[in-house]
Amino acid sequence: MVLIVPFVVQIVAAVGLVGYLSFRNGQQAVNSIAFQLCREIGDRIDQELHTFLSLPHQIHQNNEAAIQLGHLHVRDLQGLRRYFWKQAHIFKTVSDIGLGNAEGEIVAVSSVENDTGTVRISHAATGYNMQVYAVNAAGEPTRLIKVTPNFRTRQRPWYQDAERAGKPTWSDIFSRLGNQDRLTISAVHPIYGSGNRLDGVLYILLPLSQIGQFLRSLAIGKTGQSFV
């Protein structure tokens, strides 16, 4: 007993100490890896949101330059429609690209996917009713889908938000016309003419569901979730 017990105690103590240190080191390593993973996912979310939210304002800057250079005009709805159609094929992450002018007219291209989509237009000839058309592969209206009577462009929240801000900004979150469950935010950009007169407002709609879809696509272990 005198020989065996101290020998066994030493072995047990040594094994226990080694096991404890191994467990602690392993735990710290796991925590360190988990922290790095969380940080990398957070950085990816931040980068994705930065790209998602900065692109509309970059498009607006390009369109404002085209208007200032005389390549586009806020009253040339047909020219704007063709121009926005081309842009919508290039920047497919945005939902709608449009412009409402101070005369109450509006033109917008929506949801361009696989050369399909819609065009919305309202002006004096339509009685300022919003007409929604299906379009062909060239973006030309082919079939009237829907009419929203008495569409008041200058009373739309995105137009008023831009008018109040006097500079590029974001609208409040709102529900799409005809789809109350689809929450949307709009990047708006006022266009000023001579005498600092508001000639119109460029707008691009971003459905918030795209952010949710991106977050749901992230694989974070078996039970991890991401939030904004």
Protein backbone atom coordinates (compact mmCIF):
# COMPACT_ATOMS: atom_id res chain seq x y z
CA MET A 1 0.00 0.00 0.00
CA VAL A 2 2.83 2.41 0.86
CA LEU A 3 4.39 1.82 -2.55
CA ILE A 4 1.23 1.50 -4.68
CA VAL A 5 -1.01 4.31 -3.35
CA PRO A 6 1.43 7.24 -3.90
CA PHE A 7 2.29 5.85 -7.32
CA VAL A 8 -1.40 5.61 -8.34
CA VAL A 9 -2.18 9.05 -6.91
CA GLN A 10 0.62 10.57 -8.97
CA ILE A 11 -0.61 8.87 -12.13
CA VAL A 12 -4.21 9.93 -11.51
CA ALA A 13 -3.15 13.50 -10.75
CA ALA A 14 -0.94 13.69 -13.83
CA VAL A 15 -3.62 12.23 -16.11
CA GLY A 16 -6.28 14.48 -14.58
CA LEU A 17 -4.14 17.58 -14.99
CA VAL A 18 -3.26 16.71 -18.60
CA GLY A 19 -6.91 15.97 -19.35
CA TYR A 20 -8.07 19.24 -17.80
CA LEU A 21 -5.46 21.27 -19.67
CA SER A 22 -6.36 19.51 -22.92
CA PHE A 23 -10.06 20.21 -22.34
CA ARG A 24 -9.39 23.88 -21.60
CA ASN A 25 -7.14 24.28 -24.62
CA GLY A 26 -9.69 22.53 -26.82
CA GLN A 27 -12.49 24.70 -25.45
CA GLN A 28 -10.50 27.87 -26.09
CA ALA A 29 -9.67 26.70 -29.61
CA VAL A 30 -13.34 25.98 -30.35
CA ASN A 31 -14.40 29.35 -28.95
CA SER A 32 -11.71 31.08 -30.99
CA ILE A 33 -12.84 29.35 -34.19
CA ALA A 34 -16.49 30.12 -33.44
CA PHE A 35 -15.65 33.78 -32.85
CA GLN A 36 -13.70 33.96 -36.11
CA LEU A 37 -16.61 32.33 -37.95
CA CYS A 38 -19.09 34.81 -36.49
CA ARG A 39 -16.83 37.72 -37.38
CA GLU A 40 -16.37 36.47 -40.95
CA ILE A 41 -20.13 36.00 -41.38
CA GLY A 42 -20.73 39.46 -39.93
CA ASP A 43 -18.21 40.95 -42.35
CA ARG A 44 -19.91 39.16 -45.24
CA ILE A 45 -23.33 40.46 -44.19
CA ASP A 46 -21.91 43.98 -43.88
CA GLN A 47 -20.34 43.77 -47.34
CA GLU A 48 -23.52 42.38 -48.90
CA LEU A 49 -25.66 45.10 -47.34
CA HIS A 50 -23.19 47.80 -48.40
CA THR A 51 -23.36 46.58 -52.01
CA PHE A 52 -27.13 46.13 -51.89
CA LEU A 53 -27.79 49.60 -50.48
CA SER A 54 -25.14 51.60 -52.34
CA LEU A 55 -25.96 50.36 -55.85
CA PRO A 56 -29.27 52.26 -56.23
CA HIS A 57 -27.64 55.59 -55.40
CA GLN A 58 -24.84 54.88 -57.88
CA ILE A 59 -27.46 54.23 -60.55
CA HIS A 60 -29.16 57.52 -59.63
CA GLN A 61 -25.89 59.42 -59.97
CA ASN A 62 -25.43 57.95 -63.44
CA ASN A 63 -28.99 58.88 -64.44
CA GLU A 64 -28.68 62.39 -63.04
CA ALA A 65 -25.51 62.88 -65.09
CA ALA A 66 -27.33 61.68 -68.23
CA ILE A 67 -30.09 64.23 -67.58
CA GLN A 68 -27.64 67.07 -66.92
CA LEU A 69 -25.76 66.26 -70.14
CA GLY A 70 -28.99 66.31 -72.12
CA HIS A 71 -29.02 62.62 -72.99
CA LEU A 72 -32.27 62.19 -71.05
CA HIS A 73 -35.11 64.54 -70.18
CA VAL A 74 -37.58 64.30 -67.32
CA ARG A 75 -40.52 64.78 -69.73
CA ASP A 76 -39.31 62.25 -72.31
CA LEU A 77 -41.14 59.25 -70.91
CA GLN A 78 -40.46 57.00 -73.90
CA GLY A 79 -36.73 57.71 -73.82
CA LEU A 80 -36.63 57.16 -70.08
CA ARG A 81 -38.53 53.89 -70.44
CA ARG A 82 -36.04 52.48 -72.94
CA TYR A 83 -33.09 53.68 -70.87
CA PHE A 84 -34.45 52.20 -67.63
CA TRP A 85 -35.17 48.93 -69.43
CA LYS A 86 -31.53 48.60 -70.42
CA GLN A 87 -30.41 49.45 -66.89
CA ALA A 88 -32.77 46.91 -65.35
CA HIS A 89 -31.10 44.17 -67.38
CA ILE A 90 -27.69 45.22 -66.11
CA PHE A 91 -28.62 45.74 -62.45
CA LYS A 92 -30.94 42.84 -61.73
CA THR A 93 -30.84 43.14 -57.94
CA VAL A 94 -33.09 46.22 -58.02
CA SER A 95 -36.82 45.75 -58.34
CA ASP A 96 -38.00 48.96 -60.02
CA ILE A 97 -36.27 51.85 -61.76
CA GLY A 98 -38.37 54.90 -62.42
CA LEU A 99 -38.88 58.65 -62.45
CA GLY A 100 -41.79 60.82 -61.44
CA ASN A 101 -41.71 64.42 -62.68
CA ALA A 102 -43.15 67.63 -61.31
CA GLU A 103 -46.01 67.49 -63.84
CA GLY A 104 -47.33 64.33 -62.18
CA GLU A 105 -46.10 61.96 -64.87
CA ILE A 106 -44.30 58.75 -64.09
CA VAL A 107 -42.49 55.97 -65.95
CA ALA A 108 -40.96 52.86 -64.38
CA VAL A 109 -39.62 49.45 -65.35
CA SER A 110 -40.26 46.60 -62.94
CA SER A 111 -39.01 43.10 -62.21
CA VAL A 112 -36.94 42.33 -65.28
CA GLU A 113 -36.11 38.62 -65.31
CA ASN A 114 -35.31 36.52 -68.38
CA ASP A 115 -36.33 39.38 -70.70
CA THR A 116 -39.79 39.65 -69.10
CA GLY A 117 -41.15 42.35 -66.87
CA THR A 118 -43.59 45.23 -66.77
CA VAL A 119 -43.66 48.91 -67.59
CA ARG A 120 -45.74 51.40 -65.63
CA ILE A 121 -46.64 54.76 -67.09
CA SER A 122 -48.92 57.67 -66.20
CA HIS A 123 -49.32 61.00 -68.01
CA ALA A 124 -51.90 63.37 -69.41
CA ALA A 125 -52.84 61.02 -72.27
CA THR A 126 -53.75 58.27 -69.78
CA GLY A 127 -55.75 60.72 -67.67
CA TYR A 128 -53.03 60.32 -65.04
CA ASN A 129 -54.20 56.77 -64.48
CA MET A 130 -51.33 54.36 -63.85
CA GLN A 131 -51.21 51.85 -66.70
CA VAL A 132 -49.21 48.66 -66.24
CA TYR A 133 -48.12 46.85 -69.41
CA ALA A 134 -46.51 43.53 -70.14
CA VAL A 135 -43.56 44.01 -72.44
CA ASN A 136 -41.70 42.08 -75.11
CA ALA A 137 -37.98 41.23 -75.13
CA ALA A 138 -37.16 44.75 -76.37
CA GLY A 139 -39.04 46.36 -73.49
CA GLU A 140 -41.89 47.60 -75.70
CA PRO A 141 -45.40 47.51 -74.15
CA THR A 142 -47.55 44.71 -75.57
CA ARG A 143 -50.56 44.13 -73.33
CA LEU A 144 -52.35 46.24 -70.74
CA ILE A 145 -52.41 44.33 -67.45
CA LYS A 146 -53.78 46.74 -64.89
CA VAL A 147 -54.97 50.31 -64.43
CA THR A 148 -54.74 52.26 -61.17
CA PRO A 149 -57.07 55.25 -61.50
CA ASN A 150 -56.14 58.76 -60.42
CA PHE A 151 -52.52 57.92 -59.60
CA ARG A 152 -51.02 61.00 -57.97
CA THR A 153 -47.27 60.79 -58.40
CA ARG A 154 -46.46 63.83 -56.30
CA GLN A 155 -48.39 62.40 -53.36
CA ARG A 156 -46.48 59.14 -53.30
CA PRO A 157 -44.35 58.75 -50.13
CA TRP A 158 -41.09 58.32 -52.04
CA TYR A 159 -41.67 61.56 -54.01
CA GLN A 160 -42.50 63.54 -50.89
CA ASP A 161 -39.53 62.10 -48.98
CA ALA A 162 -37.16 63.28 -51.71
CA GLU A 163 -38.84 66.67 -51.90
CA ARG A 164 -38.54 67.19 -48.14
CA ALA A 165 -34.93 65.99 -47.94
CA GLY A 166 -33.75 68.00 -50.94
CA LYS A 167 -31.00 65.45 -51.51
CA PRO A 168 -30.55 61.71 -52.17
CA THR A 169 -32.10 59.75 -49.32
CA TRP A 170 -34.15 56.71 -48.38
CA SER A 171 -37.90 56.64 -48.12
CA ASP A 172 -39.72 55.16 -45.17
CA ILE A 173 -40.60 51.48 -45.46
CA PHE A 174 -43.94 51.02 -47.23
CA SER A 175 -46.15 48.34 -48.76
CA ARG A 176 -46.36 47.93 -52.51
CA LEU A 177 -49.56 48.92 -54.27
CA GLY A 178 -51.69 45.80 -54.67
CA ASN A 179 -49.45 43.75 -52.39
CA GLN A 180 -49.69 44.88 -48.78
CA ASP A 181 -47.48 42.01 -47.60
CA ARG A 182 -44.50 43.07 -49.69
CA LEU A 183 -42.48 45.58 -47.69
CA THR A 184 -40.27 47.85 -49.75
CA ILE A 185 -37.86 50.71 -49.32
CA SER A 186 -37.02 53.23 -52.01
CA ALA A 187 -33.78 55.02 -52.81
CA VAL A 188 -34.83 58.47 -54.04
CA HIS A 189 -32.88 61.22 -55.78
CA PRO A 190 -34.37 64.65 -56.53
CA ILE A 191 -33.56 66.28 -59.87
CA TYR A 192 -33.35 70.06 -59.90
CA GLY A 193 -33.48 72.34 -62.92
CA SER A 194 -32.86 76.03 -63.43
CA GLY A 195 -33.67 78.24 -60.47
CA ASN A 196 -33.29 75.26 -58.16
CA ARG A 197 -36.73 74.06 -59.26
CA LEU A 198 -37.61 70.43 -58.53
CA ASP A 199 -38.11 68.82 -61.94
CA GLY A 200 -38.64 65.27 -60.74
CA VAL A 201 -37.54 62.42 -58.55
CA LEU A 202 -35.60 59.33 -59.56
CA TYR A 203 -36.50 56.28 -57.53
CA ILE A 204 -35.44 52.66 -57.23
CA LEU A 205 -37.42 50.18 -55.17
CA LEU A 206 -35.70 47.51 -53.10
CA PRO A 207 -37.87 44.73 -51.66
CA LEU A 208 -36.73 43.97 -48.12
CA SER A 209 -37.37 40.28 -48.78
CA GLN A 210 -34.07 40.18 -50.69
CA ILE A 211 -32.19 40.87 -47.45
CA GLY A 212 -34.12 38.10 -45.72
CA GLN A 213 -33.40 35.67 -48.54
CA PHE A 214 -29.69 36.41 -48.28
CA LEU A 215 -29.65 35.92 -44.50
CA ARG A 216 -31.53 32.63 -44.81
CA SER A 217 -28.98 31.41 -47.36
CA LEU A 218 -26.11 31.67 -44.87
CA ALA A 219 -25.02 28.31 -43.44
CA ILE A 220 -24.07 28.86 -39.78
CA GLY A 221 -23.57 25.41 -38.30
CA LYS A 222 -26.67 23.35 -37.51
CA THR A 223 -28.58 25.90 -35.44
CA GLY A 224 -26.97 29.28 -36.16
CA GLN A 225 -29.06 32.22 -37.33
CA SER A 226 -28.19 35.72 -38.53
CA PHE A 227 -30.09 38.92 -37.95
CA VAL A 228 -29.89 42.53 -39.06
